[in-house]
Structure formats: C-alpha cells, structure tokens
C-alpha cells in the first residue's frame, strides 16, 4: 500500500471516529451516524469497480446475517427491515450470484 493511500485511510478513520463521537453526543444515539454512513456508501458504490461493489455488498450481507443470528438467540427480539427494495439476504444472494 502506498504511503498516500495509508495517509488517506488514516485521515478517514480519524474523521469517522470524530464524526461518530460528535453525532452520539449531539443526538444521544447512533441513528444519525448510521443514516449518514448508509447514504454515503450508497453514493460511493457506483464509483467502485463491479468486483469491489460485489465484495462490499457480500461483506454487509455476512455482517447482517451475523446480527440476525445473534438477535434470534435473544427471545422477544425480532428484526424487521423496511428497505427501499425490500431485499432479504436470500434475494441479495440471488442477485450477487453467490
């Protein structure tokens, strides 16, 4: 990895960390932070090569499935997702060809 790339990653990490703390202090939750980062990822996705788009989406699907498994182990909690396209993990798998 080039030094410039590492410097950019370090700067992004620091900016995200500070943004996260400020948003939590302002709103007393992660909701604003999560919404902002979701919007940012959706806007950046078309700028990535298709292979990297697929890898990013697959990683998010894996992380979501892990959260779903952890929720299912806790009685009384249920994950309900209201999405723009009403995708479930299985629908995404079909689209990604996984």
Protein backbone atom coordinates (compact mmCIF):
# COMPACT_ATOMS: atom_id res chain seq x y z
CA UNK A 1 0.00 0.00 0.00
CA UNK A 2 1.38 3.38 -0.92
CA UNK A 3 2.02 5.94 1.77
CA UNK A 4 -0.55 8.31 0.24
CA UNK A 5 -3.21 5.59 0.37
CA UNK A 6 -2.33 4.81 4.00
CA UNK A 7 -2.43 8.51 4.89
CA UNK A 8 -5.90 8.78 3.33
CA UNK A 9 -7.11 5.72 5.23
CA UNK A 10 -5.73 7.13 8.49
CA UNK A 11 -7.38 10.50 7.83
CA UNK A 12 -10.70 8.80 7.03
CA UNK A 13 -10.50 6.67 10.17
CA UNK A 14 -9.84 9.74 12.32
CA UNK A 15 -12.63 11.74 10.65
CA UNK A 16 -15.12 8.89 11.09
CA UNK A 17 -14.16 8.42 14.72
CA UNK A 18 -14.65 12.13 15.47
CA UNK A 19 -17.89 12.21 13.45
CA UNK A 20 -19.18 9.23 15.41
CA UNK A 21 -18.44 10.80 18.79
CA UNK A 22 -19.92 14.17 17.78
CA UNK A 23 -23.10 12.58 16.37
CA UNK A 24 -23.61 10.48 19.50
CA UNK A 25 -23.08 13.50 21.73
CA UNK A 26 -25.50 15.59 19.65
CA UNK A 27 -28.27 13.03 19.21
CA UNK A 28 -27.64 10.54 22.05
CA UNK A 29 -27.83 7.63 19.59
CA UNK A 30 -26.17 6.11 16.53
CA UNK A 31 -29.17 6.78 14.27
CA UNK A 32 -27.85 9.92 12.56
CA UNK A 33 -24.40 8.40 12.15
CA UNK A 34 -25.79 5.19 10.67
CA UNK A 35 -28.08 7.04 8.27
CA UNK A 36 -25.33 9.35 7.09
CA UNK A 37 -22.88 6.50 6.53
CA UNK A 38 -25.55 4.43 4.74
CA UNK A 39 -26.25 7.34 2.39
CA UNK A 40 -22.53 7.87 1.81
CA UNK A 41 -21.95 4.20 0.94
CA UNK A 42 -24.89 4.17 -1.48
CA UNK A 43 -23.47 7.25 -3.23
CA UNK A 44 -19.92 5.85 -3.39
CA UNK A 45 -20.89 2.34 -4.56
CA UNK A 46 -21.26 3.27 -8.27
CA UNK A 47 -17.71 4.69 -8.23
CA UNK A 48 -16.22 1.31 -7.32
CA UNK A 49 -15.37 -1.42 -9.82
CA UNK A 50 -18.10 -4.07 -10.04
CA UNK A 51 -15.92 -6.67 -8.28
CA UNK A 52 -15.41 -4.35 -5.29
CA UNK A 53 -19.12 -3.48 -5.25
CA UNK A 54 -19.94 -7.17 -5.02
CA UNK A 55 -17.35 -7.74 -2.27
CA UNK A 56 -18.67 -4.82 -0.22
CA UNK A 57 -22.29 -5.98 -0.53
CA UNK A 58 -21.35 -9.57 0.33
CA UNK A 59 -19.49 -8.33 3.42
CA UNK A 60 -22.52 -6.31 4.53
CA UNK A 61 -24.80 -9.33 3.96
CA UNK A 62 -22.49 -11.50 6.11
CA UNK A 63 -22.45 -8.88 8.88
CA UNK A 64 -26.24 -8.59 8.73
CA UNK A 65 -26.70 -12.35 8.88
CA UNK A 66 -24.44 -12.44 11.95
CA UNK A 67 -26.61 -9.78 13.61
CA UNK A 68 -29.75 -11.74 12.68
CA UNK A 69 -28.31 -14.91 14.27
CA UNK A 70 -27.43 -13.02 17.45
CA UNK A 71 -30.92 -11.47 17.58
CA UNK A 72 -32.62 -14.83 17.09
CA UNK A 73 -30.80 -16.10 20.18
CA UNK A 74 -32.47 -13.36 22.25
CA UNK A 75 -36.13 -14.16 22.99
CA UNK A 76 -38.60 -11.38 22.30
CA UNK A 77 -36.46 -9.56 19.75
CA UNK A 78 -37.27 -9.62 16.05
CA UNK A 79 -35.51 -7.91 13.17
CA UNK A 80 -37.81 -6.01 10.86
CA UNK A 81 -36.30 -4.26 7.88
CA UNK A 82 -38.11 -1.72 5.78
CA UNK A 83 -35.94 -1.15 2.76
CA UNK A 84 -36.20 0.73 -0.49
CA UNK A 85 -36.31 -2.55 -2.41
CA UNK A 86 -37.44 -4.91 0.38
CA UNK A 87 -34.40 -7.14 -0.15
CA UNK A 88 -33.74 -10.01 2.16
CA UNK A 89 -30.44 -11.79 2.41
CA UNK A 90 -31.69 -14.57 0.13
CA UNK A 91 -32.80 -12.07 -2.54
CA UNK A 92 -29.37 -10.43 -2.43
CA UNK A 93 -27.67 -13.83 -2.73
CA UNK A 94 -29.58 -14.48 -5.95
CA UNK A 95 -28.65 -11.11 -7.39
CA UNK A 96 -25.00 -11.46 -6.47
CA UNK A 97 -24.77 -14.97 -7.82
CA UNK A 98 -23.45 -16.27 -4.50
